[in-house]
């Protein structure tokens, strides 16, 4: 089973990489950019009997820092 986990900073948490990317895009002439947030994507190949609870535990114990990050699990 393929599982994709998207991890991103919570609203209100400063994103220096996003700000730097936004600035760079604007300096390249992309004036319509009003904000950039940078995150990470983790793709897992798991056995079909992996439970939703196991996947959530993986996210909360290792894949995301839940103090400052949110995550979204996408199966398939």
Protein backbone atom coordinates (compact mmCIF):
# COMPACT_ATOMS: atom_id res chain seq x y z
CA UNK A 1 0.00 0.00 0.00
CA UNK A 2 1.31 3.43 -0.94
CA UNK A 3 0.84 6.19 1.63
CA UNK A 4 1.85 9.82 1.13
CA UNK A 5 2.33 12.05 4.15
CA UNK A 6 2.44 15.80 3.55
CA UNK A 7 4.02 17.72 6.43
CA UNK A 8 3.77 21.49 6.70
CA UNK A 9 4.27 24.19 9.30
CA UNK A 10 1.24 25.20 11.32
CA UNK A 11 -0.32 28.58 10.63
CA UNK A 12 1.45 31.21 12.69
CA UNK A 13 4.81 29.42 12.66
CA UNK A 14 7.48 31.41 10.83
CA UNK A 15 8.64 29.83 7.57
CA UNK A 16 12.05 31.34 6.64
CA UNK A 17 12.46 29.06 3.62
CA UNK A 18 9.03 30.10 2.35
CA UNK A 19 9.86 33.78 2.84
CA UNK A 20 13.19 33.38 1.01
CA UNK A 21 11.46 31.59 -1.87
CA UNK A 22 8.76 34.25 -2.03
CA UNK A 23 11.41 36.98 -2.17
CA UNK A 24 13.36 35.12 -4.89
CA UNK A 25 10.23 34.63 -7.01
CA UNK A 26 9.37 38.31 -6.72
CA UNK A 27 12.93 39.29 -7.66
CA UNK A 28 12.56 37.12 -10.78
CA UNK A 29 9.54 39.17 -11.79
CA UNK A 30 6.69 37.00 -10.50
CA UNK A 31 4.73 39.86 -8.94
CA UNK A 32 1.59 37.81 -8.29
CA UNK A 33 3.17 35.75 -5.50
CA UNK A 34 1.46 36.63 -2.21
CA UNK A 35 2.98 33.98 0.02
CA UNK A 36 4.95 30.74 -0.04
CA UNK A 37 4.96 27.91 2.52
CA UNK A 38 7.54 25.13 2.27
CA UNK A 39 6.80 21.62 3.51
CA UNK A 40 7.92 18.06 2.91
CA UNK A 41 6.37 14.99 1.37
CA UNK A 42 7.10 11.47 2.58
CA UNK A 43 6.06 8.47 0.49
CA UNK A 44 5.77 5.17 2.34
CA UNK A 45 5.40 1.71 0.84
CA UNK A 46 3.67 -0.28 3.57
CA UNK A 47 2.23 -3.74 3.83
CA UNK A 48 -1.49 -3.90 3.12
CA UNK A 49 -2.22 -4.83 6.73
CA UNK A 50 -0.76 -1.57 8.11
CA UNK A 51 -3.47 0.08 10.18
CA UNK A 52 -4.52 3.71 10.09
CA UNK A 53 -3.49 3.92 13.74
CA UNK A 54 0.02 2.67 12.89
CA UNK A 55 0.36 5.31 10.17
CA UNK A 56 -0.83 8.04 12.53
CA UNK A 57 1.66 6.87 15.16
CA UNK A 58 4.49 6.97 12.60
CA UNK A 59 3.58 10.57 11.82
CA UNK A 60 3.28 11.70 15.40
CA UNK A 61 6.38 9.92 16.71
CA UNK A 62 8.82 10.51 13.85
CA UNK A 63 7.64 12.03 10.60
CA UNK A 64 6.19 15.31 11.92
CA UNK A 65 7.04 17.57 14.83
CA UNK A 66 3.46 18.02 15.97
CA UNK A 67 4.36 21.02 18.14
CA UNK A 68 5.00 23.16 15.03
CA UNK A 69 3.85 20.98 12.11
CA UNK A 70 0.61 19.55 10.81
CA UNK A 71 0.39 16.54 8.52
CA UNK A 72 -2.04 15.01 6.07
CA UNK A 73 -2.14 11.31 5.23
CA UNK A 74 -3.13 10.33 1.69
CA UNK A 75 -3.62 6.66 0.83
CA UNK A 76 -3.22 5.41 -2.68
